């Protein structure tokens, strides 16, 4: 969402940003767990605290790599992308025209169903692709969603 604000900050007219930008994609890479030494992992208290998970973390099984010759004893081998795709809806377009902040745009996008980088990384951790450590290392905590769609 900050990309909209940045485009306006560098001199683009808000109506051009609102009309011309269809989607914005943010991406990061997280390390994937080594398939040779992958083992179950019980989240540490500090991981649970730092995740600020909105769901019961005990409902999921997590994994980590213990380290082996295949991964040079790191527990990781390879990388996978995590993504945040924001579609410019009519509501977002109106907010851009009114000069909404990046946090207000993010909040509205999340209400409209946008999955954040943290959310996508969390999903990959629950599927055993990456670790909770990587989720915490690469992403920032999501702010709680404010229910008002008219935040500007």
N, C-alpha and C. Protein backbone atom coordinates (compact mmCIF):
# COMPACT_ATOMS: atom_id res chain seq x y z
N UNK A 1 0.80 -1.22 0.00
CA UNK A 1 0.00 0.00 0.00
C UNK A 1 0.84 1.28 0.00
N UNK A 2 2.02 1.21 0.55
CA UNK A 2 2.86 2.40 0.56
C UNK A 2 3.33 2.78 -0.84
N UNK A 3 3.24 1.87 -1.79
CA UNK A 3 3.64 2.19 -3.17
C UNK A 3 2.74 3.29 -3.75
N UNK A 4 1.45 3.26 -3.44
CA UNK A 4 0.55 4.32 -3.91
C UNK A 4 1.02 5.68 -3.40
N UNK A 5 1.27 5.72 -2.09
CA UNK A 5 1.68 6.96 -1.44
C UNK A 5 3.02 7.43 -2.00
N UNK A 6 3.93 6.49 -2.22
CA UNK A 6 5.25 6.84 -2.75
C UNK A 6 5.14 7.43 -4.15
N UNK A 7 4.30 6.86 -5.00
CA UNK A 7 4.12 7.40 -6.35
C UNK A 7 3.62 8.84 -6.29
N UNK A 8 2.72 9.12 -5.38
CA UNK A 8 2.20 10.49 -5.23
C UNK A 8 3.30 11.40 -4.67
N UNK A 9 4.08 10.88 -3.71
CA UNK A 9 5.19 11.66 -3.13
C UNK A 9 6.23 12.07 -4.17
N UNK A 10 6.45 11.24 -5.19
CA UNK A 10 7.45 11.59 -6.19
C UNK A 10 6.88 12.41 -7.33
N UNK A 11 5.61 12.83 -7.19
CA UNK A 11 5.07 13.79 -8.13
C UNK A 11 3.93 13.35 -9.03
N UNK A 12 3.52 12.10 -8.97
CA UNK A 12 2.39 11.68 -9.80
C UNK A 12 1.10 12.24 -9.19
N UNK A 13 0.19 12.62 -10.04
CA UNK A 13 -1.10 13.12 -9.58
C UNK A 13 -1.93 11.95 -9.03
N UNK A 14 -2.62 12.17 -7.90
CA UNK A 14 -3.41 11.09 -7.31
C UNK A 14 -4.40 10.45 -8.28
N UNK A 15 -5.03 11.24 -9.15
CA UNK A 15 -6.00 10.66 -10.08
C UNK A 15 -5.31 9.72 -11.08
N UNK A 16 -4.05 10.03 -11.44
CA UNK A 16 -3.31 9.15 -12.35
C UNK A 16 -2.92 7.84 -11.65
N UNK A 17 -2.52 7.93 -10.39
CA UNK A 17 -2.20 6.73 -9.62
C UNK A 17 -3.45 5.87 -9.46
N UNK A 18 -4.55 6.50 -9.08
CA UNK A 18 -5.80 5.77 -8.87
C UNK A 18 -6.30 5.10 -10.14
N UNK A 19 -6.15 5.78 -11.27
CA UNK A 19 -6.65 5.24 -12.53
C UNK A 19 -5.68 4.28 -13.20
N UNK A 20 -4.38 4.50 -13.00
CA UNK A 20 -3.40 3.74 -13.77
C UNK A 20 -2.84 2.50 -13.10
N UNK A 21 -2.86 2.45 -11.79
CA UNK A 21 -2.28 1.30 -11.09
C UNK A 21 -3.38 0.28 -10.83
N UNK A 22 -3.22 -0.89 -11.41
CA UNK A 22 -4.23 -1.95 -11.25
C UNK A 22 -3.93 -2.86 -10.06
N UNK A 23 -2.66 -3.25 -9.93
CA UNK A 23 -2.24 -4.10 -8.81
C UNK A 23 -0.84 -3.70 -8.37
N UNK A 24 -0.54 -4.01 -7.13
CA UNK A 24 0.81 -3.83 -6.60
C UNK A 24 1.19 -5.14 -5.94
N UNK A 25 2.40 -5.60 -6.24
CA UNK A 25 2.88 -6.87 -5.70
C UNK A 25 4.14 -6.62 -4.88
N UNK A 26 4.12 -7.07 -3.64
CA UNK A 26 5.32 -7.07 -2.80
C UNK A 26 5.77 -8.51 -2.69
N UNK A 27 7.08 -8.72 -2.66
CA UNK A 27 7.60 -10.08 -2.57
C UNK A 27 8.88 -10.12 -1.75
N UNK A 28 9.08 -11.24 -1.09
CA UNK A 28 10.30 -11.51 -0.34
C UNK A 28 10.62 -12.99 -0.53
N UNK A 29 11.84 -13.36 -0.18
CA UNK A 29 12.22 -14.77 -0.21
C UNK A 29 12.40 -15.27 1.21
N UNK A 30 11.92 -16.48 1.47
CA UNK A 30 12.18 -17.17 2.74
C UNK A 30 12.90 -18.47 2.42
N UNK A 31 13.73 -18.89 3.34
CA UNK A 31 14.44 -20.15 3.15
C UNK A 31 13.47 -21.32 3.35
N UNK A 32 13.67 -22.38 2.57
CA UNK A 32 12.84 -23.58 2.70
C UNK A 32 13.57 -24.61 3.54
N UNK A 33 12.80 -25.42 4.24
CA UNK A 33 13.36 -26.44 5.12
C UNK A 33 13.97 -27.55 4.28
N UNK A 34 15.12 -28.01 4.69
CA UNK A 34 15.80 -29.12 4.03
C UNK A 34 14.92 -30.38 4.15
N UNK A 35 14.62 -31.00 3.02
CA UNK A 35 13.75 -32.17 3.02
C UNK A 35 14.45 -33.40 3.61
N UNK A 36 15.76 -33.40 3.64
CA UNK A 36 16.51 -34.55 4.16
C UNK A 36 16.48 -34.61 5.68
N UNK A 37 16.58 -33.46 6.33
CA UNK A 37 16.66 -33.46 7.80
C UNK A 37 15.45 -32.79 8.47
N UNK A 38 14.37 -32.64 7.74
CA UNK A 38 13.15 -32.00 8.25
C UNK A 38 12.57 -32.82 9.41
N UNK A 39 12.23 -32.12 10.49
CA UNK A 39 11.65 -32.79 11.66
C UNK A 39 10.61 -31.87 12.29
N UNK A 40 9.66 -32.44 13.04
CA UNK A 40 8.65 -31.62 13.72
C UNK A 40 9.29 -30.64 14.70
N UNK A 41 8.63 -29.52 14.86
CA UNK A 41 9.13 -28.46 15.76
C UNK A 41 7.99 -27.93 16.60
N UNK A 42 8.19 -27.91 17.89
CA UNK A 42 7.22 -27.30 18.80
C UNK A 42 7.63 -25.85 18.98
N UNK A 43 6.74 -24.91 18.65
CA UNK A 43 7.10 -23.49 18.74
C UNK A 43 7.53 -23.10 20.15
N UNK A 44 8.57 -22.29 20.21
CA UNK A 44 9.05 -21.76 21.48
C UNK A 44 8.11 -20.66 21.95
N UNK A 45 8.08 -20.41 23.25
CA UNK A 45 7.22 -19.37 23.79
C UNK A 45 7.50 -18.01 23.15
N UNK A 46 8.78 -17.71 22.91
CA UNK A 46 9.15 -16.42 22.32
C UNK A 46 8.63 -16.32 20.88
N UNK A 47 8.63 -17.43 20.14
CA UNK A 47 8.09 -17.43 18.77
C UNK A 47 6.59 -17.15 18.79
N UNK A 48 5.90 -17.82 19.70
CA UNK A 48 4.45 -17.63 19.81
C UNK A 48 4.13 -16.18 20.16
N UNK A 49 4.89 -15.62 21.10
CA UNK A 49 4.68 -14.23 21.53
C UNK A 49 4.94 -13.26 20.37
N UNK A 50 6.02 -13.46 19.64
CA UNK A 50 6.39 -12.54 18.55
C UNK A 50 5.48 -12.68 17.33
N UNK A 51 4.81 -13.82 17.16
CA UNK A 51 3.95 -14.02 15.99
C UNK A 51 2.66 -13.22 16.07
N UNK A 52 2.17 -12.95 17.27
CA UNK A 52 0.89 -12.27 17.44
C UNK A 52 -0.20 -12.98 16.62
N UNK A 53 -0.20 -14.30 16.66
CA UNK A 53 -1.13 -15.08 15.84
C UNK A 53 -2.57 -14.85 16.30
N UNK A 54 -3.45 -14.67 15.31
CA UNK A 54 -4.86 -14.45 15.62
C UNK A 54 -5.61 -15.77 15.77
N UNK A 55 -4.96 -16.88 15.42
CA UNK A 55 -5.58 -18.19 15.56
C UNK A 55 -4.78 -19.03 16.54
N UNK A 56 -5.37 -20.14 16.95
CA UNK A 56 -4.71 -21.04 17.89
C UNK A 56 -3.54 -21.73 17.21
N UNK A 57 -2.35 -21.43 17.64
CA UNK A 57 -1.13 -21.95 17.01
C UNK A 57 -0.98 -23.45 17.23
N UNK A 58 -1.62 -23.99 18.27
CA UNK A 58 -1.52 -25.42 18.55
C UNK A 58 -2.30 -26.26 17.54
N UNK A 59 -3.09 -25.63 16.69
CA UNK A 59 -3.85 -26.36 15.67
C UNK A 59 -2.98 -26.79 14.50
N UNK A 60 -1.74 -26.34 14.46
CA UNK A 60 -0.86 -26.61 13.33
C UNK A 60 0.38 -27.38 13.77
N UNK A 61 0.94 -28.13 12.82
CA UNK A 61 2.20 -28.80 13.04
C UNK A 61 3.27 -28.02 12.28
N UNK A 62 4.37 -27.72 12.96
CA UNK A 62 5.46 -26.96 12.35
C UNK A 62 6.70 -27.84 12.26
N UNK A 63 7.61 -27.41 11.37
CA UNK A 63 8.82 -28.19 11.13
C UNK A 63 10.04 -27.29 11.13
N UNK A 64 11.19 -27.94 11.25
CA UNK A 64 12.48 -27.27 11.11
C UNK A 64 13.47 -28.30 10.62
N UNK A 65 14.59 -27.85 10.12
CA UNK A 65 15.65 -28.76 9.73
C UNK A 65 16.66 -28.85 10.84
N UNK A 66 17.07 -30.07 11.18
CA UNK A 66 18.05 -30.20 12.27
C UNK A 66 19.48 -29.98 11.79
N UNK A 67 19.69 -30.04 10.47
CA UNK A 67 21.02 -29.86 9.90
C UNK A 67 21.62 -31.19 9.49
N UNK A 68 22.15 -31.25 8.28
CA UNK A 68 22.75 -32.48 7.77
C UNK A 68 23.78 -32.11 6.69
N UNK A 69 24.45 -33.11 6.16
CA UNK A 69 25.44 -32.84 5.11
C UNK A 69 24.78 -32.26 3.86
N UNK A 70 23.54 -32.65 3.60
CA UNK A 70 22.83 -32.18 2.41
C UNK A 70 22.61 -30.67 2.40
N UNK A 71 22.43 -30.08 3.58
CA UNK A 71 22.16 -28.63 3.69
C UNK A 71 23.30 -27.88 4.36
N UNK A 72 24.46 -28.51 4.45
CA UNK A 72 25.61 -27.90 5.14
C UNK A 72 25.29 -27.54 6.59
N UNK A 73 24.47 -28.36 7.21
CA UNK A 73 24.11 -28.24 8.62
C UNK A 73 23.40 -26.93 8.96
N UNK A 74 22.67 -26.37 7.98
CA UNK A 74 21.90 -25.15 8.23
C UNK A 74 20.44 -25.45 8.53
N UNK A 75 19.94 -26.59 8.04
CA UNK A 75 18.52 -26.91 8.19
C UNK A 75 17.68 -26.36 7.06
N UNK A 76 18.30 -25.61 6.15
CA UNK A 76 17.58 -25.01 5.03
C UNK A 76 18.24 -25.39 3.72
N UNK A 77 17.43 -25.50 2.68
CA UNK A 77 17.96 -25.72 1.35
C UNK A 77 16.99 -25.11 0.34
N UNK A 78 17.41 -24.05 -0.29
CA UNK A 78 16.59 -23.36 -1.27
C UNK A 78 15.78 -22.24 -0.66
N UNK A 79 15.03 -21.58 -1.53
CA UNK A 79 14.18 -20.46 -1.11
C UNK A 79 12.85 -20.53 -1.86
N UNK A 80 11.86 -19.89 -1.29
CA UNK A 80 10.55 -19.79 -1.92
C UNK A 80 10.04 -18.36 -1.70
N UNK A 81 9.25 -17.87 -2.63
CA UNK A 81 8.72 -16.52 -2.50
C UNK A 81 7.50 -16.46 -1.61
N UNK A 82 7.38 -15.33 -0.93
CA UNK A 82 6.13 -14.98 -0.24
C UNK A 82 5.65 -13.70 -0.89
N UNK A 83 4.34 -13.55 -0.98
CA UNK A 83 3.78 -12.47 -1.79
C UNK A 83 2.63 -11.77 -1.08
N UNK A 84 2.48 -10.49 -1.46
CA UNK A 84 1.36 -9.67 -1.01
C UNK A 84 0.85 -8.96 -2.26
N UNK A 85 -0.33 -9.32 -2.71
CA UNK A 85 -0.91 -8.75 -3.93
C UNK A 85 -2.09 -7.86 -3.55
N UNK A 86 -1.98 -6.58 -3.92
CA UNK A 86 -3.04 -5.62 -3.62
C UNK A 86 -3.69 -5.19 -4.93
N UNK A 87 -4.96 -5.51 -5.08
CA UNK A 87 -5.72 -5.08 -6.26
C UNK A 87 -6.35 -3.71 -5.96
N UNK A 88 -6.31 -2.83 -6.95
CA UNK A 88 -6.87 -1.49 -6.77
C UNK A 88 -8.38 -1.55 -6.98
N UNK A 89 -9.10 -1.71 -5.89
CA UNK A 89 -10.57 -1.76 -5.94
C UNK A 89 -11.12 -0.34 -6.04
N UNK A 90 -12.41 -0.23 -6.24
CA UNK A 90 -13.05 1.08 -6.28
C UNK A 90 -12.87 1.83 -4.96
N UNK A 91 -12.95 1.10 -3.86
CA UNK A 91 -12.78 1.72 -2.55
C UNK A 91 -11.35 2.25 -2.39
N UNK A 92 -10.37 1.44 -2.76
CA UNK A 92 -8.96 1.86 -2.69
C UNK A 92 -8.74 3.07 -3.60
N UNK A 93 -9.30 3.02 -4.79
CA UNK A 93 -9.17 4.12 -5.76
C UNK A 93 -9.69 5.43 -5.16
N UNK A 94 -10.85 5.37 -4.52
CA UNK A 94 -11.43 6.56 -3.89
C UNK A 94 -10.53 7.06 -2.75
N UNK A 95 -9.99 6.15 -1.98
CA UNK A 95 -9.12 6.53 -0.88
C UNK A 95 -7.85 7.21 -1.38
N UNK A 96 -7.30 6.71 -2.48
CA UNK A 96 -6.10 7.32 -3.06
C UNK A 96 -6.41 8.76 -3.46
N UNK A 97 -7.54 8.96 -4.09
CA UNK A 97 -7.95 10.30 -4.54
C UNK A 97 -8.12 11.26 -3.35
N UNK A 98 -8.51 10.71 -2.19
CA UNK A 98 -8.71 11.54 -1.00
C UNK A 98 -7.45 11.69 -0.18
N UNK A 99 -6.33 11.09 -0.63
CA UNK A 99 -5.06 11.24 0.09
C UNK A 99 -4.91 10.36 1.31
N UNK A 100 -5.48 9.17 1.27
CA UNK A 100 -5.40 8.26 2.42
C UNK A 100 -3.96 7.85 2.71
N UNK A 101 -3.71 7.54 3.96
CA UNK A 101 -2.38 7.08 4.38
C UNK A 101 -2.17 5.63 3.95
N UNK A 102 -0.91 5.22 3.94
CA UNK A 102 -0.58 3.83 3.59
C UNK A 102 -1.23 2.86 4.57
N UNK A 103 -1.27 3.21 5.86
CA UNK A 103 -1.87 2.30 6.84
C UNK A 103 -3.38 2.17 6.64
N UNK A 104 -4.04 3.26 6.26
CA UNK A 104 -5.48 3.20 5.97
C UNK A 104 -5.74 2.36 4.72
N UNK A 105 -4.90 2.52 3.70
CA UNK A 105 -5.03 1.72 2.49
C UNK A 105 -4.80 0.23 2.79
N UNK A 106 -3.79 -0.05 3.61
CA UNK A 106 -3.50 -1.44 4.00
C UNK A 106 -4.67 -2.04 4.76
N UNK A 107 -5.22 -1.29 5.68
CA UNK A 107 -6.34 -1.77 6.47
C UNK A 107 -7.53 -2.12 5.56
N UNK A 108 -7.85 -1.23 4.65
CA UNK A 108 -8.97 -1.48 3.73
C UNK A 108 -8.69 -2.68 2.84
N UNK A 109 -7.47 -2.78 2.33
CA UNK A 109 -7.11 -3.92 1.48
C UNK A 109 -7.26 -5.23 2.24
N UNK A 110 -6.87 -5.24 3.50
CA UNK A 110 -7.01 -6.45 4.32
C UNK A 110 -8.48 -6.77 4.56
N UNK A 111 -9.30 -5.75 4.79
CA UNK A 111 -10.74 -5.98 4.95
C UNK A 111 -11.31 -6.60 3.68
N UNK A 112 -10.77 -6.16 2.53
CA UNK A 112 -11.24 -6.67 1.24
C UNK A 112 -10.62 -8.01 0.86
N UNK A 113 -9.76 -8.55 1.73
CA UNK A 113 -9.24 -9.90 1.51
C UNK A 113 -7.79 -10.03 1.13
N UNK A 114 -7.02 -8.95 1.13
CA UNK A 114 -5.62 -9.05 0.78
C UNK A 114 -4.86 -9.88 1.83
N UNK A 115 -4.05 -10.82 1.36
CA UNK A 115 -3.17 -11.58 2.24
C UNK A 115 -1.84 -10.84 2.31
N UNK A 116 -1.38 -10.55 3.51
CA UNK A 116 -0.13 -9.81 3.70
C UNK A 116 1.07 -10.75 3.54
N UNK A 117 2.26 -10.15 3.49
CA UNK A 117 3.48 -10.95 3.45
C UNK A 117 3.53 -11.89 4.66
N UNK A 118 3.20 -11.38 5.84
CA UNK A 118 3.20 -12.21 7.05
C UNK A 118 2.19 -13.34 6.90
N UNK A 119 1.02 -13.02 6.37
CA UNK A 119 -0.01 -14.04 6.18
C UNK A 119 0.42 -15.14 5.22
N UNK A 120 1.08 -14.77 4.12
CA UNK A 120 1.54 -15.76 3.16
C UNK A 120 2.68 -16.60 3.75
N UNK A 121 3.58 -15.96 4.48
CA UNK A 121 4.67 -16.69 5.13
C UNK A 121 4.12 -17.66 6.18
N UNK A 122 3.12 -17.21 6.94
CA UNK A 122 2.47 -18.05 7.95
C UNK A 122 1.86 -19.27 7.28
N UNK A 123 1.17 -19.07 6.16
CA UNK A 123 0.57 -20.17 5.43
C UNK A 123 1.62 -21.19 5.00
N UNK A 124 2.76 -20.71 4.52
CA UNK A 124 3.84 -21.61 4.09
C UNK A 124 4.46 -22.34 5.30
N UNK A 125 4.49 -21.70 6.45
CA UNK A 125 4.99 -22.37 7.66
C UNK A 125 4.03 -23.45 8.11
N UNK A 126 2.73 -23.20 8.02
CA UNK A 126 1.74 -24.20 8.43
C UNK A 126 1.72 -25.40 7.48
N UNK A 127 2.20 -25.20 6.26
CA UNK A 127 2.28 -26.30 5.28
C UNK A 127 3.64 -27.01 5.32
N UNK A 128 4.53 -26.58 6.21
CA UNK A 128 5.82 -27.22 6.35
C UNK A 128 6.85 -26.84 5.30
N UNK A 129 6.63 -25.74 4.62
CA UNK A 129 7.57 -25.29 3.59
C UNK A 129 8.72 -24.51 4.20
N UNK A 130 8.41 -23.68 5.19
CA UNK A 130 9.42 -22.86 5.86
C UNK A 130 9.18 -22.92 7.36
N UNK A 131 10.02 -22.25 8.11
CA UNK A 131 9.95 -22.30 9.57
C UNK A 131 9.33 -21.03 10.15
N UNK A 132 8.89 -21.12 11.39
CA UNK A 132 8.40 -19.93 12.09
C UNK A 132 9.53 -18.92 12.25
N UNK A 133 10.75 -19.41 12.43
CA UNK A 133 11.91 -18.52 12.53
C UNK A 133 12.03 -17.65 11.27
N UNK A 134 11.82 -18.24 10.10
CA UNK A 134 11.89 -17.49 8.85
C UNK A 134 10.73 -16.49 8.74
N UNK A 135 9.56 -16.89 9.17
CA UNK A 135 8.40 -15.98 9.16
C UNK A 135 8.74 -14.73 9.96
N UNK A 136 9.30 -14.92 11.14
CA UNK A 136 9.65 -13.80 12.01
C UNK A 136 10.83 -12.99 11.47
N UNK A 137 11.77 -13.66 10.82
CA UNK A 137 12.96 -12.97 10.32
C UNK A 137 12.65 -12.06 9.13
N UNK A 138 11.73 -12.49 8.27
CA UNK A 138 11.53 -11.82 6.99
C UNK A 138 10.33 -10.86 6.99
N UNK A 139 9.37 -11.07 7.87
CA UNK A 139 8.15 -10.26 7.82
C UNK A 139 7.96 -9.44 9.09
N UNK A 140 7.11 -8.43 8.95
CA UNK A 140 6.72 -7.61 10.09
C UNK A 140 5.33 -8.02 10.55
N UNK A 141 5.05 -7.83 11.81
CA UNK A 141 3.74 -8.16 12.35
C UNK A 141 2.67 -7.30 11.69
N UNK A 142 1.51 -7.90 11.43
CA UNK A 142 0.38 -7.16 10.88
C UNK A 142 -0.33 -6.43 12.01
N UNK A 143 -0.74 -5.21 11.71
CA UNK A 143 -1.55 -4.46 12.67
C UNK A 143 -2.95 -5.08 12.69
N UNK A 144 -3.63 -5.02 13.83
CA UNK A 144 -5.01 -5.50 13.86
C UNK A 144 -5.87 -4.72 12.86
N UNK A 145 -6.80 -5.39 12.24
CA UNK A 145 -7.69 -4.74 11.27
C UNK A 145 -8.66 -3.84 12.03
N UNK A 146 -8.74 -2.58 11.58
CA UNK A 146 -9.74 -1.65 12.11
C UNK A 146 -10.98 -1.81 11.25
N UNK A 147 -12.10 -1.94 11.84
CA UNK A 147 -13.33 -2.27 11.12
C UNK A 147 -13.87 -1.17 10.22
N UNK A 148 -13.50 0.06 10.46
CA UNK A 148 -14.01 1.16 9.65
C UNK A 148 -13.34 1.16 8.27
N UNK A 149 -14.14 1.06 7.20
CA UNK A 149 -13.62 1.10 5.84
C UNK A 149 -13.35 2.54 5.39
N UNK A 150 -13.80 3.52 6.17
CA UNK A 150 -13.67 4.90 5.77
C UNK A 150 -12.48 5.58 6.41
N UNK A 151 -11.50 4.79 6.89
CA UNK A 151 -10.30 5.38 7.50
C UNK A 151 -9.48 6.09 6.42
N UNK A 152 -9.27 7.40 6.60
CA UNK A 152 -8.48 8.17 5.63
C UNK A 152 -7.41 8.94 6.34
